[in-house]
PDB file of N, CA and C in Angstrom:
ATOM      1  N   MET A   1      -0.196  11.060  16.812  1.00  0.00           N
ATOM      2  CA  MET A   1      -0.632  10.416  15.518  1.00  0.00           C
ATOM      3  C   MET A   1       0.185  10.389  13.900  1.00  0.00           C
ATOM      4  N   GLU A   2       0.261   9.254  13.389  1.00  0.00           N
ATOM      5  CA  GLU A   2       1.319   9.521  11.857  1.00  0.00           C
ATOM      6  C   GLU A   2       0.248   9.579  10.775  1.00  0.00           C
ATOM      7  N   LYS A   3       0.865  10.026   9.624  1.00  0.00           N
ATOM      8  CA  LYS A   3       1.502  11.387   8.801  1.00  0.00           C
ATOM      9  C   LYS A   3       0.872  10.251   8.239  1.00  0.00           C
ATOM     10  N   ALA A   4      -1.131  10.498   7.153  1.00  0.00           N
ATOM     11  CA  ALA A   4      -0.525   9.603   5.763  1.00  0.00           C
ATOM     12  C   ALA A   4       0.211  10.569   4.631  1.00  0.00           C
ATOM     13  N   ILE A   5       1.044   9.678   4.284  1.00  0.00           N
ATOM     14  CA  ILE A   5       1.931   9.904   2.845  1.00  0.00           C
ATOM     15  C   ILE A   5       1.463   8.911   1.808  1.00  0.00           C
ATOM     16  N   ILE A   6       0.611   8.597   1.279  1.00  0.00           N
ATOM     17  CA  ILE A   6      -0.009   7.474   0.134  1.00  0.00           C
ATOM     18  C   ILE A   6      -1.681   7.811   0.556  1.00  0.00           C
ATOM     19  N   ARG A   7      -1.788   8.473  -1.109  1.00  0.00           N
ATOM     20  CA  ARG A   7      -3.268   8.725  -1.595  1.00  0.00           C
ATOM     21  C   ARG A   7      -3.746   7.091  -2.394  1.00  0.00           C
ATOM     22  N   ASP A   8      -4.986   6.912  -2.344  1.00  0.00           N
ATOM     23  CA  ASP A   8      -4.813   5.819  -3.151  1.00  0.00           C
ATOM     24  C   ASP A   8      -5.971   6.355  -4.391  1.00  0.00           C
ATOM     25  N   ARG A   9      -5.287   6.447  -5.668  1.00  0.00           N
ATOM     26  CA  ARG A   9      -6.149   7.198  -6.712  1.00  0.00           C
ATOM     27  C   ARG A   9      -7.981   6.941  -6.985  1.00  0.00           C
ATOM     28  N   GLU A  10      -8.087   5.399  -6.634  1.00  0.00           N
ATOM     29  CA  GLU A  10      -9.145   5.027  -6.827  1.00  0.00           C
ATOM     30  C   GLU A  10     -10.623   6.012  -5.778  1.00  0.00           C
ATOM     31  N   THR A  11      -9.558   5.709  -4.580  1.00  0.00           N
ATOM     32  CA  THR A  11     -11.139   6.374  -3.155  1.00  0.00           C
ATOM     33  C   THR A  11     -10.801   7.597  -2.849  1.00  0.00           C
ATOM     34  N   GLY A  12      -9.394   8.144  -3.373  1.00  0.00           N
ATOM     35  CA  GLY A  12      -9.616   9.475  -2.118  1.00  0.00           C
ATOM     36  C   GLY A  12      -8.355   9.800  -0.919  1.00  0.00           C
ATOM     37  N   GLU A  13      -8.479   8.162  -0.723  1.00  0.00           N
ATOM     38  CA  GLU A  13      -8.534   7.828   0.936  1.00  0.00           C
ATOM     39  C   GLU A  13      -6.939   7.824   1.152  1.00  0.00           C
ATOM     40  N   GLU A  14      -6.839   8.507   2.398  1.00  0.00           N
ATOM     41  CA  GLU A  14      -4.958   9.209   2.240  1.00  0.00           C
ATOM     42  C   GLU A  14      -4.670   7.298   3.941  1.00  0.00           C
ATOM     43  N   LEU A  15      -3.709   7.133   3.348  1.00  0.00           N
ATOM     44  CA  LEU A  15      -3.191   6.179   4.030  1.00  0.00           C
ATOM     45  C   LEU A  15      -2.593   6.793   4.900  1.00  0.00           C
ATOM     46  N   THR A  16      -1.971   5.158   5.702  1.00  0.00           N
ATOM     47  CA  THR A  16      -0.251   5.638   7.119  1.00  0.00           C
ATOM     48  C   THR A  16      -0.258   4.057   6.526  1.00  0.00           C
ATOM     49  N   LEU A  17       1.524   4.114   6.362  1.00  0.00           N
ATOM     50  CA  LEU A  17       2.471   3.325   7.004  1.00  0.00           C
ATOM     51  C   LEU A  17       2.442   1.508   7.859  1.00  0.00           C
ATOM     52  N   THR A  18       1.297   2.177   8.481  1.00  0.00           N
ATOM     53  CA  THR A  18       0.678   1.770   9.836  1.00  0.00           C
ATOM     54  C   THR A  18      -0.370   0.656   8.683  1.00  0.00           C
ATOM     55  N   ALA A  19      -1.303   1.376   8.576  1.00  0.00           N
ATOM     56  CA  ALA A  19      -2.836   1.096   7.761  1.00  0.00           C
ATOM     57  C   ALA A  19      -2.355   0.109   5.963  1.00  0.00           C
ATOM     58  N   LEU A  20      -1.227   0.562   5.523  1.00  0.00           N
ATOM     59  CA  LEU A  20      -0.476  -0.486   4.154  1.00  0.00           C
ATOM     60  C   LEU A  20       0.066  -1.556   4.787  1.00  0.00           C
ATOM     61  N   ARG A  21       0.709  -1.549   6.032  1.00  0.00           N
ATOM     62  CA  ARG A  21       1.299  -3.127   6.388  1.00  0.00           C
ATOM     63  C   ARG A  21       0.435  -4.208   7.145  1.00  0.00           C
ATOM     64  N   GLU A  22      -0.535  -3.660   6.951  1.00  0.00           N
ATOM     65  CA  GLU A  22      -1.798  -4.315   7.881  1.00  0.00           C
ATOM     66  C   GLU A  22      -2.113  -4.846   6.790  1.00  0.00           C
ATOM     67  N   GLU A  23      -2.256  -3.990   5.931  1.00  0.00           N
ATOM     68  CA  GLU A  23      -3.175  -4.533   4.743  1.00  0.00           C
ATOM     69  C   GLU A  23      -2.407  -6.246   3.859  1.00  0.00           C
ATOM     70  N   TYR A  24      -1.233  -5.623   3.447  1.00  0.00           N
ATOM     71  CA  TYR A  24       0.267  -6.507   3.046  1.00  0.00           C
ATOM     72  C   TYR A  24      -0.364  -7.161   4.091  1.00  0.00           C
ATOM     73  N   GLU A  25      -0.316  -8.007   5.177  1.00  0.00           N
ATOM     74  CA  GLU A  25      -0.496  -8.585   5.613  1.00  0.00           C
ATOM     75  C   GLU A  25      -1.148  -9.630   5.203  1.00  0.00           C
ATOM     76  N   THR A  26      -2.399  -8.795   6.008  1.00  0.00           N
ATOM     77  CA  THR A  26      -3.748  -9.617   5.107  1.00  0.00           C
ATOM     78  C   THR A  26      -4.080  -9.903   3.684  1.00  0.00           C
ATOM     79  N   LEU A  27      -3.483  -9.186   3.130  1.00  0.00           N
ATOM     80  CA  LEU A  27      -3.015  -9.973   1.478  1.00  0.00           C
ATOM     81  C   LEU A  27      -1.507 -11.331   1.133  1.00  0.00           C
ATOM     82  N   LYS A  28      -0.390 -11.173   1.632  1.00  0.00           N
ATOM     83  CA  LYS A  28       0.129 -11.953   2.183  1.00  0.00           C
ATOM     84  C   LYS A  28      -0.414 -13.402   2.826  1.00  0.00           C
ATOM     85  N   LYS A  29      -0.802 -13.766   3.955  1.00  0.00           N
ATOM     86  CA  LYS A  29      -1.691 -14.272   4.894  1.00  0.00           C
ATOM     87  C   LYS A  29      -2.429 -14.833   3.728  1.00  0.00           C
ATOM     88  N   ALA A  30      -3.855 -14.278   3.251  1.00  0.00           N
ATOM     89  CA  ALA A  30      -4.403 -14.740   1.975  1.00  0.00           C
ATOM     90  C   ALA A  30      -4.258 -14.989   0.431  1.00  0.00           C
ATOM     91  N   GLY A  31      -2.755 -14.512   0.537  1.00  0.00           N
ATOM     92  CA  GLY A  31      -2.103 -15.766  -0.577  1.00  0.00           C
ATOM     93  C   GLY A  31      -2.653 -14.327  -2.088  1.00  0.00           C
ATOM     94  N   GLU A  32      -2.737 -13.382  -1.827  1.00  0.00           N
ATOM     95  CA  GLU A  32      -2.963 -12.410  -3.083  1.00  0.00           C
ATOM     96  C   GLU A  32      -2.697 -11.182  -3.035  1.00  0.00           C
ATOM     97  N   THR A  33      -1.708 -10.949  -3.112  1.00  0.00           N
ATOM     98  CA  THR A  33       0.058 -10.472  -3.512  1.00  0.00           C
ATOM     99  C   THR A  33       1.481 -11.201  -3.803  1.00  0.00           C
ATOM    100  N   GLU A  34       1.750 -10.746  -4.628  1.00  0.00           N
ATOM    101  CA  GLU A  34       2.586 -11.489  -4.887  1.00  0.00           C
ATOM    102  C   GLU A  34       4.731 -11.055  -4.892  1.00  0.00           C
ATOM    103  N   ALA A  35       3.524  -9.940  -3.606  1.00  0.00           N
ATOM    104  CA  ALA A  35       4.817  -8.882  -3.566  1.00  0.00           C
ATOM    105  C   ALA A  35       5.766  -9.946  -2.222  1.00  0.00           C
ATOM    106  N   GLY A  36       7.382  -9.845  -2.351  1.00  0.00           N
ATOM    107  CA  GLY A  36       7.802 -10.151  -1.017  1.00  0.00           C
ATOM    108  C   GLY A  36       8.006 -10.099   0.118  1.00  0.00           C
ATOM    109  N   SER A  37       7.823  -8.478  -0.124  1.00  0.00           N
ATOM    110  CA  SER A  37       8.230  -7.711   1.391  1.00  0.00           C
ATOM    111  C   SER A  37       7.419  -6.295   1.685  1.00  0.00           C
ATOM    112  N   PHE A  38       6.817  -5.899   2.398  1.00  0.00           N
ATOM    113  CA  PHE A  38       6.400  -4.815   2.011  1.00  0.00           C
ATOM    114  C   PHE A  38       6.846  -4.219   2.045  1.00  0.00           C
ATOM    115  N   GLU A  39       8.143  -3.732   1.771  1.00  0.00           N
ATOM    116  CA  GLU A  39       8.756  -2.604   0.532  1.00  0.00           C
ATOM    117  C   GLU A  39       8.028  -3.316  -0.899  1.00  0.00           C
ATOM    118  N   ASP A  40       8.443  -4.389  -1.517  1.00  0.00           N
ATOM    119  CA  ASP A  40       7.871  -4.749  -2.763  1.00  0.00           C
ATOM    120  C   ASP A  40       6.762  -3.865  -3.412  1.00  0.00           C
ATOM    121  N   TYR A  41       5.605  -3.733  -2.038  1.00  0.00           N
ATOM    122  CA  TYR A  41       4.407  -4.343  -1.885  1.00  0.00           C
ATOM    123  C   TYR A  41       4.157  -2.564  -1.669  1.00  0.00           C
ATOM    124  N   LEU A  42       4.748  -1.663  -1.232  1.00  0.00           N
ATOM    125  CA  LEU A  42       4.570  -0.153  -1.614  1.00  0.00           C
ATOM    126  C   LEU A  42       4.953  -0.122  -3.019  1.00  0.00           C
ATOM    127  N   GLU A  43       5.697  -0.264  -3.511  1.00  0.00           N
ATOM    128  CA  GLU A  43       6.961  -0.020  -5.111  1.00  0.00           C
ATOM    129  C   GLU A  43       5.683  -0.626  -5.754  1.00  0.00           C
ATOM    130  N   ASN A  44       4.954  -1.869  -5.403  1.00  0.00           N
ATOM    131  CA  ASN A  44       4.016  -2.487  -6.647  1.00  0.00           C
ATOM    132  C   ASN A  44       2.798  -1.056  -6.493  1.00  0.00           C
ATOM    133  N   ILE A  45       2.574  -0.376  -5.538  1.00  0.00           N
ATOM    134  CA  ILE A  45       1.095  -0.575  -5.121  1.00  0.00           C
ATOM    135  C   ILE A  45       1.589   1.983  -5.989  1.00  0.00           C
ATOM    136  N   THR A  46       2.298   1.979  -5.908  1.00  0.00           N
ATOM    137  CA  THR A  46       3.150   3.357  -5.598  1.00  0.00           C
ATOM    138  C   THR A  46       3.354   3.490  -7.599  1.00  0.00           C
ATOM    139  N   ASP A  47       3.640   2.530  -8.770  1.00  0.00           N
ATOM    140  CA  ASP A  47       4.318   2.245  -9.430  1.00  0.00           C
ATOM    141  C   ASP A  47       3.592   3.628 -10.916  1.00  0.00           C
ATOM    142  N   GLY A  48       3.744   3.282 -11.736  1.00  0.00           N
ATOM    143  CA  GLY A  48       3.467   3.731 -12.809  1.00  0.00           C
ATOM    144  C   GLY A  48       1.542   2.928 -13.230  1.00  0.00           C
ATOM    145  N   ASN A  49       1.696   1.305 -12.470  1.00  0.00           N
ATOM    146  CA  ASN A  49       0.396   0.895 -13.136  1.00  0.00           C
ATOM    147  C   ASN A  49      -0.185   0.710 -11.381  1.00  0.00           C
ATOM    148  N   GLY A  50       0.170   1.594 -10.556  1.00  0.00           N
ATOM    149  CA  GLY A  50      -0.090   0.422  -9.500  1.00  0.00           C
ATOM    150  C   GLY A  50      -1.998   1.653  -9.185  1.00  0.00           C
ATOM    151  N   THR A  51      -2.361   1.758  -7.833  1.00  0.00           N
ATOM    152  CA  THR A  51      -3.407   3.033  -7.420  1.00  0.00           C
ATOM    153  C   THR A  51      -3.491   3.600  -6.597  1.00  0.00           C
ATOM    154  N   CYS A  52      -1.835   3.867  -6.555  1.00  0.00           N
ATOM    155  CA  CYS A  52      -1.724   5.251  -4.926  1.00  0.00           C
ATOM    156  C   CYS A  52      -0.562   5.830  -5.598  1.00  0.00           C
ATOM    157  N   ASP A  53      -0.648   7.130  -4.574  1.00  0.00           N
ATOM    158  CA  ASP A  53       0.637   7.976  -5.313  1.00  0.00           C
ATOM    159  C   ASP A  53       1.257   8.540  -3.978  1.00  0.00           C
ATOM    160  N   TRP A  54       2.856   9.371  -3.803  1.00  0.00           N
ATOM    161  CA  TRP A  54       2.583   9.354  -2.722  1.00  0.00           C
ATOM    162  C   TRP A  54       2.841  10.796  -2.215  1.00  0.00           C
ATOM    163  N   ILE A  55       2.397  11.232  -1.566  1.00  0.00           N
ATOM    164  CA  ILE A  55       2.440  12.503  -1.045  1.00  0.00           C
ATOM    165  C   ILE A  55       2.849  13.593  -0.221  1.00  0.00           C
TER     166      ILE A  55
END
């Protein structure tokens, strides 16, 4: 079982890298993210303006 590594500040939900990668791919296909890579996406959601925290 994969350990949760990020917590969504809005919902309190703990997220895994696998779940986040799937979310990124969905958003990328829909054109709903400006992140050029998964790593950029992680940086965007965990920076000061993002909605998630590393745990």
